[in-house]
Structure formats: structure tokens, C-alpha cells
Amino acid sequence: MFDLAIILYTLRRFGSPALTGWVAFAAFGPGLIASPFAGALLDRLRAPFAILVDMLITSGLLLALIFIDQAGQLGPASLIVLVTMCSLTSPLSASGIRVLVPRLVPADGLERANALDTGSYALIEVVGPALAGGLFGFAGPVATMMVIVIFYALAAISLIPILRAAKTPTAHRPTTLIGEAVAGLAHIARHPTLRGLAIAYSIYQMSWGVLLVVVPVAVIHALGPTANADLTVGALWAACGLAGGLGALLAGQVRSIGRELQMIGLSIAAMAVAIYPLAASLGLYGLAAGIMIMGFLEGPADVGLLTLRQRRTAPEWLGRVLTVSMSLNVSGLPLGSAIGGSLVSYSVDVALIFAAMALVIAAIATFLLIPR
């Protein structure tokens, strides 16, 4: 909900695609800087506790955004600052879940566990955008943000039973937090698989960063700044999430040992065709078809990534390596949003061509940089 709501909010409040791109950048970029420290904390603390901290901080910051907005004091700078602060703790949640999975699941069950993880998240990607678009269209931005705050609070409460049951996975180490964070970065730089994944997947994520801005801008250009446009944006991302869940569940039935690279690289290459020429050539119908195909192919790409990364990471490095690796992998997302916000101001087609080119380069990098 938040990913879509903050885009719609910025477009509605300020009417600037370029600013919207930078707000999307702020929602993801600062978390990349904080990810080495978040990974070190995950190796020191209980992962459920780290997720709880992120949920509570984010809900408080969104409440502050609402109050400042209602007081008429919210400008572009203060909006970017608040969104940036939300981003800084986000690696605790994003990585905390993925750190727990391989600690709870045997090695021969990773495909199915990651498929369930990806598929369940894809289900939320169906409900979240649809609910955000509907609320934004009919109840307005303040009501939408309040609902998001409530969901963050409920998520924090739901972690209490897990927090009581969970045990600290690793013993305390005498090194400093900064030392552990640097060690995590150095480990990834020396690890050929993790290094290759970081390069290839960050380029791949640039395409999604472009789409985060292009989809709402293209819909609003076609339908006008109306409630129907907000609903349509939510419905498009919901359809993308539904397709992604189906793709992930199907990919989870495939024994991918030794074939992870093909699953990742071929899926990304096929996405390029879905973006250009399909999404760029047939108006809103082409855009809808393109992002649904991309969503479906994202399922096997993500399952292959998660499985390969977990299989090739030593257990004692899971917290630091997975957090930093995940952040490096999605580092192209905020950059794509910033670039997409600038390109879409001139032409939707130009922005989509850029996204397709990023996918082609990412597919080539997958096969060239990641060892078999």
C-alpha cells in the first residue's frame, strides 16, 4: 500500500513526475546505505525484534507526515525527509524475513519455502495496491495513510508471539557493529556469486523503478487526475502481483538445483519483450498486459535468486550477507525511479525503452557474471 500511496500522494499533492521520482528514490535509496548495519544487527538481535522496531518507527513517521500535512506545513523537502527516515529502517523487515527462512527450513525444502514466501507476498501485492488505489480515489490521501499506519501497528502486534518464542541465532561477538558491517560488505565483494547477483539484479531492478513512476503517470495522462485513474493504477499493480504469485508458485514446483541461472536469466530476458514493444505499443491495454507478464516472470526470477543466494551463503553470514545482498540487488530500484521520473516528463515511450534496455543488460550480466 505504501509504495503506491506515496507515489499517488506526491502526484496529487505536487503534480510533478520529477519530484515523484525522487520521492520514490527516497523510499528505497537510504535503506541501501543502512543495510550493512541492519545486517549486523540481525546477526546480533532476534530477527522478529528487528522487524518490530521497523514497524513501530515507520508507523510513527507516517503519523508525523499526516499531522504536518494537515497543518499545511508539508513541502517537497519535508516529504522527502520523512520518506527517507522510513527507508532507513526498512532493511530490518525486508531482510529479517529472509534471514529466518533458511534457519527454519531444510535445504531440500528451500524452493518450496521461497515459493511460498514469494507467492504470499505477491498475494499482498494484489490486495495492497487495489486497496490503496480504491481508498485514495474515494477517501483521499489522509484516510489512506491512516489505514497504512494501522496496518503497520497491527503487524507489530502480530510479532509478539514470535518474539517470545524466537531465540537469538548467534552468539555475541566482540567486534564492533561497524566492523561487522564492513565485514559483510567485504564478504560480498569477494564472493563471486553474491557479487554477480548484486550487479545483474540491481540493473534488473532499474526497470521496476521506472515502472513505479511510469504506470501512474501514463494512467493519469490517459484518464485524467480522477478517482478512476487511482483505481486503475491500483488494479494494474494488483494484477501484476496476482500474476507474480502464480509464477512463483509454479516455479516452486521445479527442482532448480543447478538450473538457477537459467531460471533467473531467461525470465529477465523475456520481461524485456513485455515492456517493449508490448507495453509501449497498445496504450493502456498494452501497459496492462506488459506488467502482468512481467509480474508472472518475476516469480521464477525471484525464486531462483532466493534459492541460489541461500544455498551459496554460509549460515554464520546469513544476517549480514542477506541484508547487504538484498539491498545491493534492489539498488537499481530507486535509481530507476529517479531516471524514470525525468524521462517520463518527456515521453512515456522513452522511459519504457530505457526499462527494456536495462532488462536486456541484466539478463546478459546474469549469465556472464554469476558462476555456475
Protein backbone atom coordinates (compact mmCIF):
# COMPACT_ATOMS: atom_id res chain seq x y z
CA MET A 1 0.00 0.00 0.00
CA PHE A 2 2.71 2.46 0.97
CA ASP A 3 4.72 2.00 -2.23
CA LEU A 4 1.73 3.03 -4.34
CA ALA A 5 0.17 5.53 -1.92
CA ILE A 6 3.30 7.66 -1.62
CA ILE A 7 3.52 7.88 -5.44
CA LEU A 8 -0.14 8.86 -5.81
CA TYR A 9 0.16 11.24 -2.86
CA THR A 10 3.11 13.10 -4.41
CA LEU A 11 1.44 13.32 -7.82
CA ARG A 12 -1.83 14.57 -6.28
CA ARG A 13 -0.20 16.97 -3.84
CA PHE A 14 2.52 18.49 -6.05
CA GLY A 15 1.71 17.38 -9.63
CA SER A 16 5.36 16.79 -10.53
CA PRO A 17 6.54 13.50 -12.10
CA ALA A 18 10.17 14.50 -11.47
CA LEU A 19 9.53 15.08 -7.75
CA THR A 20 7.60 11.81 -7.65
CA GLY A 21 10.66 10.02 -9.00
CA TRP A 22 12.83 11.50 -6.27
CA VAL A 23 10.30 10.60 -3.57
CA ALA A 24 10.35 7.02 -4.86
CA PHE A 25 14.15 7.20 -4.70
CA ALA A 26 13.95 8.37 -1.08
CA ALA A 27 11.64 5.47 -0.24
CA PHE A 28 14.32 2.92 -1.20
CA GLY A 29 17.75 4.54 -1.58
CA PRO A 30 18.65 5.44 2.03
CA GLY A 31 17.84 1.91 3.15
CA LEU A 32 20.65 0.71 0.91
CA ILE A 33 23.13 2.82 2.89
CA ALA A 34 21.81 1.48 6.19
CA SER A 35 21.68 -2.17 5.08
CA PRO A 36 25.21 -3.21 6.26
CA PHE A 37 24.38 -2.01 9.78
CA ALA A 38 20.92 -3.61 9.63
CA GLY A 39 22.55 -6.92 8.66
CA ALA A 40 24.97 -6.74 11.58
CA LEU A 41 22.04 -6.04 13.92
CA LEU A 42 20.14 -9.04 12.55
CA ASP A 43 23.12 -11.26 13.39
CA ARG A 44 23.20 -9.82 16.91
CA LEU A 45 19.48 -9.49 17.68
CA ARG A 46 16.40 -11.61 17.17
CA ALA A 47 15.06 -11.08 13.67
CA PRO A 48 11.42 -10.71 14.88
CA PHE A 49 12.53 -7.94 17.28
CA ALA A 50 14.31 -6.12 14.45
CA ILE A 51 11.17 -6.31 12.30
CA LEU A 52 9.10 -5.00 15.23
CA VAL A 53 11.37 -1.96 15.58
CA ASP A 54 10.99 -1.13 11.89
CA MET A 55 7.18 -1.42 12.02
CA LEU A 56 6.87 0.89 15.02
CA ILE A 57 9.26 3.53 13.65
CA THR A 58 7.55 3.57 10.24
CA SER A 59 4.06 3.92 11.73
CA GLY A 60 5.27 6.85 13.85
CA LEU A 61 6.85 8.60 10.88
CA LEU A 62 3.70 8.22 8.78
CA LEU A 63 1.65 9.69 11.61
CA ALA A 64 4.02 12.66 11.65
CA LEU A 65 3.56 13.04 7.87
CA ILE A 66 -0.22 13.16 8.32
CA PHE A 67 -0.08 15.75 11.10
CA ILE A 68 2.39 18.00 9.24
CA ASP A 69 0.26 17.78 6.10
CA GLN A 70 -2.93 18.67 7.96
CA ALA A 71 -1.15 21.65 9.49
CA GLY A 72 -0.34 22.88 5.98
CA GLN A 73 3.41 22.71 6.58
CA LEU A 74 4.35 19.81 4.30
CA GLY A 75 6.60 20.81 1.41
CA PRO A 76 8.71 18.78 -1.02
CA ALA A 77 11.77 18.88 1.25
CA SER A 78 9.94 17.75 4.40
CA LEU A 79 8.16 14.99 2.45
CA ILE A 80 11.47 13.64 1.16
CA VAL A 81 13.00 13.80 4.67
CA LEU A 82 10.14 11.79 6.22
CA VAL A 83 10.17 9.20 3.45
CA THR A 84 13.96 8.94 3.78
CA MET A 85 13.65 8.23 7.51
CA CYS A 86 11.13 5.47 6.77
CA SER A 87 13.59 3.95 4.34
CA LEU A 88 16.50 3.83 6.80
CA THR A 89 14.97 1.07 8.96
CA SER A 90 13.29 -0.83 6.12
CA PRO A 91 16.15 -3.39 5.67
CA LEU A 92 15.36 -4.76 9.13
CA SER A 93 11.99 -6.04 7.90
CA ALA A 94 12.86 -6.85 4.32
CA SER A 95 15.87 -8.94 5.31
CA GLY A 96 14.60 -10.18 8.66
CA ILE A 97 12.05 -12.45 6.99
CA ARG A 98 14.59 -13.89 4.54
CA VAL A 99 17.12 -14.48 7.34
CA LEU A 100 14.57 -16.59 9.22
CA VAL A 101 13.55 -18.79 6.27
CA PRO A 102 16.78 -20.81 5.80
CA ARG A 103 17.08 -21.18 9.59
CA LEU A 104 13.67 -22.82 9.76
CA VAL A 105 13.62 -24.88 6.55
CA PRO A 106 15.80 -27.84 5.49
CA ALA A 107 17.99 -27.40 2.42
CA ASP A 108 15.84 -29.60 0.18
CA GLY A 109 12.77 -27.53 1.01
CA LEU A 110 14.16 -24.11 0.08
CA GLU A 111 12.44 -23.96 -3.34
CA ARG A 112 9.01 -24.57 -1.81
CA ALA A 113 9.61 -22.26 1.14
CA ASN A 114 10.84 -19.45 -1.11
CA ALA A 115 7.94 -20.05 -3.49
CA LEU A 116 5.50 -19.73 -0.59
CA ASP A 117 7.33 -16.63 0.64
CA THR A 118 7.30 -15.03 -2.81
CA GLY A 119 3.76 -16.21 -3.56
CA SER A 120 2.29 -14.93 -0.30
CA TYR A 121 4.00 -11.58 -0.81
CA ALA A 122 2.60 -11.50 -4.33
CA LEU A 123 -0.87 -12.01 -2.84
CA ILE A 124 -0.32 -8.94 -0.71
CA GLU A 125 0.82 -7.14 -3.85
CA VAL A 126 -2.68 -7.87 -5.18
CA VAL A 127 -4.60 -6.68 -2.13
CA GLY A 128 -2.33 -3.76 -1.21
CA PRO A 129 -2.36 -1.72 -4.43
CA ALA A 130 -6.06 -2.39 -5.02
CA LEU A 131 -6.90 -1.18 -1.51
CA ALA A 132 -4.53 1.79 -1.76
CA GLY A 133 -5.92 2.87 -5.14
CA GLY A 134 -9.54 2.50 -4.01
CA LEU A 135 -9.03 4.36 -0.73
CA PHE A 136 -7.03 7.09 -2.41
CA GLY A 137 -9.67 7.59 -5.06
CA PHE A 138 -12.71 7.71 -2.79
CA ALA A 139 -11.48 8.53 0.73
CA GLY A 140 -8.46 10.71 -0.04
CA PRO A 141 -4.77 10.65 0.89
CA VAL A 142 -5.16 11.22 4.65
CA ALA A 143 -7.53 8.28 5.13
CA THR A 144 -5.26 6.07 3.02
CA MET A 145 -2.19 6.93 5.08
CA MET A 146 -4.09 6.33 8.34
CA VAL A 147 -5.07 2.86 7.18
CA ILE A 148 -1.42 2.15 6.37
CA VAL A 149 -0.42 3.32 9.87
CA ILE A 150 -3.00 0.95 11.39
CA PHE A 151 -1.67 -1.98 9.37
CA TYR A 152 1.90 -1.26 10.50
CA ALA A 153 0.71 -1.21 14.12
CA LEU A 154 -1.19 -4.48 13.68
CA ALA A 155 1.89 -6.03 12.06
CA ALA A 156 3.98 -5.04 15.08
CA ILE A 157 1.44 -6.57 17.47
CA SER A 158 1.32 -9.81 15.46
CA LEU A 159 5.06 -10.30 16.02
CA ILE A 160 4.77 -10.51 19.82
CA PRO A 161 4.18 -14.31 19.98
CA ILE A 162 7.08 -14.91 17.56
CA LEU A 163 9.29 -12.56 19.58
CA ARG A 164 8.65 -14.57 22.74
CA ALA A 165 9.40 -17.88 21.05
CA ALA A 166 12.40 -16.84 18.95
CA LYS A 167 15.94 -17.28 20.19
CA THR A 168 18.98 -15.21 19.34
CA PRO A 169 20.55 -17.19 16.46
CA THR A 170 24.19 -16.29 17.02
CA ALA A 171 26.42 -15.71 19.98
CA HIS A 172 27.67 -12.25 20.82
CA ARG A 173 30.89 -11.35 19.04
CA PRO A 174 33.50 -8.95 20.40
CA THR A 175 33.74 -6.99 17.13
CA THR A 176 32.01 -3.64 16.76
CA LEU A 177 28.83 -3.09 14.76
CA ILE A 178 30.79 -1.08 12.18
CA GLY A 179 33.38 -3.85 11.93
CA GLU A 180 30.68 -6.45 11.27
CA ALA A 181 29.02 -4.21 8.68
CA VAL A 182 32.33 -3.74 6.84
CA ALA A 183 32.99 -7.47 7.05
CA GLY A 184 29.62 -8.17 5.41
CA LEU A 185 30.40 -5.81 2.53
CA ALA A 186 33.85 -7.29 2.07
CA HIS A 187 32.47 -10.83 2.07
CA ILE A 188 30.04 -10.00 -0.74
CA ALA A 189 32.75 -8.23 -2.74
CA ARG A 190 34.92 -11.38 -2.56
CA HIS A 191 32.07 -13.86 -3.17
CA PRO A 192 31.67 -14.37 -6.95
CA THR A 193 28.02 -15.47 -6.81
CA LEU A 194 26.85 -12.71 -4.46
CA ARG A 195 28.88 -10.11 -6.37
CA GLY A 196 27.43 -11.22 -9.71
CA LEU A 197 23.88 -11.26 -8.34
CA ALA A 198 24.31 -7.75 -6.95
CA ILE A 199 25.38 -6.36 -10.32
CA ALA A 200 22.87 -8.22 -12.51
CA TYR A 201 19.89 -7.82 -10.22
CA SER A 202 20.47 -4.14 -9.50
CA ILE A 203 20.35 -3.47 -13.25
CA TYR A 204 17.19 -5.59 -13.48
CA GLN A 205 15.52 -3.65 -10.66
CA MET A 206 16.02 -0.39 -12.55
CA SER A 207 13.18 -1.49 -14.84
CA TRP A 208 10.79 -1.83 -11.88
CA GLY A 209 11.91 1.55 -10.59
CA VAL A 210 10.98 3.11 -13.94
CA LEU A 211 7.57 1.39 -13.90
CA LEU A 212 6.78 2.65 -10.39
CA VAL A 213 6.65 6.17 -11.84
CA VAL A 214 5.59 5.44 -15.43
CA VAL A 215 2.45 3.41 -14.65
CA PRO A 216 0.60 6.09 -12.59
CA VAL A 217 1.78 8.89 -14.90
CA ALA A 218 0.63 7.02 -18.03
CA VAL A 219 -2.76 6.20 -16.49
CA ILE A 220 -3.32 9.78 -15.30
CA HIS A 221 -2.36 11.09 -18.76
CA ALA A 222 -4.95 8.76 -20.32
CA LEU A 223 -7.80 9.12 -17.81
CA GLY A 224 -7.08 12.43 -16.11
CA PRO A 225 -6.44 13.03 -12.37
CA THR A 226 -9.66 11.31 -11.27
CA ALA A 227 -10.71 8.61 -8.81
CA ASN A 228 -10.98 6.21 -11.76
CA ALA A 229 -7.31 6.80 -12.55
CA ASP A 230 -6.30 5.97 -8.96
CA LEU A 231 -8.44 2.82 -9.06
CA THR A 232 -6.93 1.80 -12.39
CA VAL A 233 -3.37 2.20 -11.10
CA GLY A 234 -4.20 0.07 -8.08
CA ALA A 235 -5.87 -2.56 -10.27
CA LEU A 236 -2.88 -2.75 -12.62
CA TRP A 237 -0.42 -3.36 -9.80
CA ALA A 238 -2.83 -5.82 -8.21
CA ALA A 239 -2.99 -7.79 -11.45
CA CYS A 240 0.81 -7.71 -11.61
CA GLY A 241 1.01 -9.11 -8.08
CA LEU A 242 -1.52 -11.84 -8.84
CA ALA A 243 0.48 -12.92 -11.87
CA GLY A 244 3.65 -12.84 -9.77
CA GLY A 245 2.13 -15.13 -7.15
CA LEU A 246 1.12 -17.63 -9.82
CA GLY A 247 4.57 -17.52 -11.40
CA ALA A 248 6.29 -18.03 -8.03
CA LEU A 249 4.13 -20.98 -7.04
CA LEU A 250 4.71 -22.69 -10.38
CA ALA A 251 8.45 -22.04 -10.12
CA GLY A 252 8.46 -23.59 -6.64
CA GLN A 253 7.44 -26.93 -8.12
CA VAL A 254 10.58 -27.05 -10.27
CA ARG A 255 13.73 -28.64 -8.90
CA SER A 256 16.12 -25.81 -9.64
CA ILE A 257 19.40 -27.20 -8.26
CA GLY A 258 22.00 -26.41 -10.92
CA ARG A 259 19.46 -24.52 -13.06
CA GLU A 260 19.00 -21.35 -11.02
CA LEU A 261 20.91 -19.21 -13.53
CA GLN A 262 18.66 -20.25 -16.41
CA MET A 263 15.58 -19.56 -14.30
CA ILE A 264 16.81 -16.05 -13.49
CA GLY A 265 18.38 -15.04 -16.81
CA LEU A 266 15.71 -16.31 -19.20
CA SER A 267 12.90 -14.80 -17.09
CA ILE A 268 14.56 -11.38 -17.13
CA ALA A 269 15.23 -11.57 -20.88
CA ALA A 270 11.56 -12.35 -21.60
CA MET A 271 10.50 -9.35 -19.49
CA ALA A 272 12.25 -7.00 -21.92
CA VAL A 273 9.83 -8.02 -24.70
CA ALA A 274 6.88 -7.50 -22.35
CA ILE A 275 7.99 -3.89 -21.80
CA TYR A 276 8.99 -3.03 -25.35
CA PRO A 277 7.29 -3.31 -27.74
CA LEU A 278 4.20 -4.75 -25.96
CA ALA A 279 3.66 -2.26 -23.11
CA ALA A 280 4.68 0.71 -25.25
CA SER A 281 2.59 -0.02 -28.34
CA LEU A 282 -1.03 -0.70 -27.32
CA GLY A 283 -1.95 2.08 -24.93
CA LEU A 284 -3.35 1.15 -21.51
CA TYR A 285 -4.20 -2.37 -22.70
CA GLY A 286 -0.61 -2.95 -23.76
CA LEU A 287 0.67 -1.50 -20.49
CA ALA A 288 -1.63 -3.80 -18.51
CA ALA A 289 -0.56 -6.86 -20.50
CA GLY A 290 3.12 -5.93 -20.21
CA ILE A 291 3.23 -5.52 -16.44
CA MET A 292 1.14 -8.68 -15.92
CA ILE A 293 3.65 -10.68 -17.98
CA MET A 294 6.49 -9.04 -16.07
CA GLY A 295 4.81 -9.95 -12.80
CA PHE A 296 4.42 -13.59 -13.86
CA LEU A 297 8.08 -13.81 -14.89
CA GLU A 298 9.23 -12.06 -11.72
CA GLY A 299 8.06 -15.14 -9.78
CA PRO A 300 10.60 -17.63 -11.18
CA ALA A 301 13.32 -14.95 -11.27
CA ASP A 302 12.89 -14.22 -7.55
CA VAL A 303 12.60 -17.89 -6.55
CA GLY A 304 15.83 -18.62 -8.45
CA LEU A 305 17.58 -15.65 -6.81
CA LEU A 306 16.49 -16.50 -3.26
CA THR A 307 17.37 -20.17 -3.59
CA LEU A 308 20.76 -19.60 -5.21
CA ARG A 309 21.75 -16.95 -2.66
CA GLN A 310 20.72 -19.07 0.34
CA ARG A 311 22.46 -22.19 -0.97
CA ARG A 312 25.74 -20.37 -1.53
CA THR A 313 25.82 -18.38 1.74
CA ALA A 314 27.40 -19.83 4.88
CA PRO A 315 24.90 -19.96 7.80
CA GLU A 316 27.01 -17.75 10.10
CA TRP A 317 26.92 -14.96 7.49
CA LEU A 318 23.17 -15.03 6.81
CA GLY A 319 22.19 -11.83 8.63
CA ARG A 320 24.95 -9.59 7.30
CA VAL A 321 25.20 -11.12 3.84
CA LEU A 322 21.49 -11.41 3.07
CA THR A 323 20.72 -7.88 4.26
CA VAL A 324 23.53 -6.25 2.29
CA SER A 325 22.99 -8.53 -0.70
CA MET A 326 19.24 -7.81 -0.83
CA SER A 327 19.87 -4.09 -0.64
CA LEU A 328 22.54 -4.20 -3.34
CA ASN A 329 20.24 -6.31 -5.51
CA VAL A 330 17.45 -3.71 -5.37
CA SER A 331 19.79 -0.70 -5.51
CA GLY A 332 18.71 -0.11 -9.09
CA LEU A 333 15.09 0.44 -8.00
CA PRO A 334 15.48 3.97 -6.58
CA LEU A 335 17.87 4.90 -9.37
CA GLY A 336 15.35 3.68 -11.93
CA SER A 337 12.62 5.73 -10.25
CA ALA A 338 14.71 8.89 -10.35
CA ILE A 339 15.63 8.34 -14.01
CA GLY A 340 12.09 7.28 -14.91
CA GLY A 341 10.64 10.41 -13.32
CA SER A 342 12.85 12.55 -15.54
CA LEU A 343 12.29 10.53 -18.74
CA VAL A 344 8.52 10.24 -18.40
CA SER A 345 8.28 14.03 -18.22
CA TYR A 346 9.30 13.98 -21.89
CA SER A 347 7.85 10.69 -23.14
CA VAL A 348 6.33 7.52 -21.70
CA ASP A 349 7.78 5.53 -24.60
CA VAL A 350 11.32 6.74 -23.92
CA ALA A 351 11.03 5.68 -20.29
CA LEU A 352 9.76 2.22 -21.31
CA ILE A 353 12.58 1.78 -23.84
CA PHE A 354 15.07 2.56 -21.07
CA ALA A 355 13.43 -0.07 -18.83
CA ALA A 356 13.60 -2.70 -21.60
CA MET A 357 17.28 -1.95 -22.25
CA ALA A 358 18.03 -2.40 -18.54
CA LEU A 359 16.38 -5.83 -18.65
CA VAL A 360 18.44 -6.96 -21.64
CA ILE A 361 21.68 -5.86 -19.97
CA ALA A 362 20.64 -7.58 -16.71
CA ALA A 363 19.95 -10.87 -18.50
CA ILE A 364 23.37 -10.79 -20.18
CA ALA A 365 25.07 -9.93 -16.88
CA THR A 366 23.35 -12.87 -15.17
CA PHE A 367 25.00 -15.41 -17.46
CA LEU A 368 28.36 -13.64 -17.67
CA LEU A 369 28.97 -12.65 -14.04
CA ILE A 370 27.42 -15.42 -11.91
CA PRO A 371 29.44 -18.66 -11.83
CA ARG A 372 27.72 -21.98 -12.47
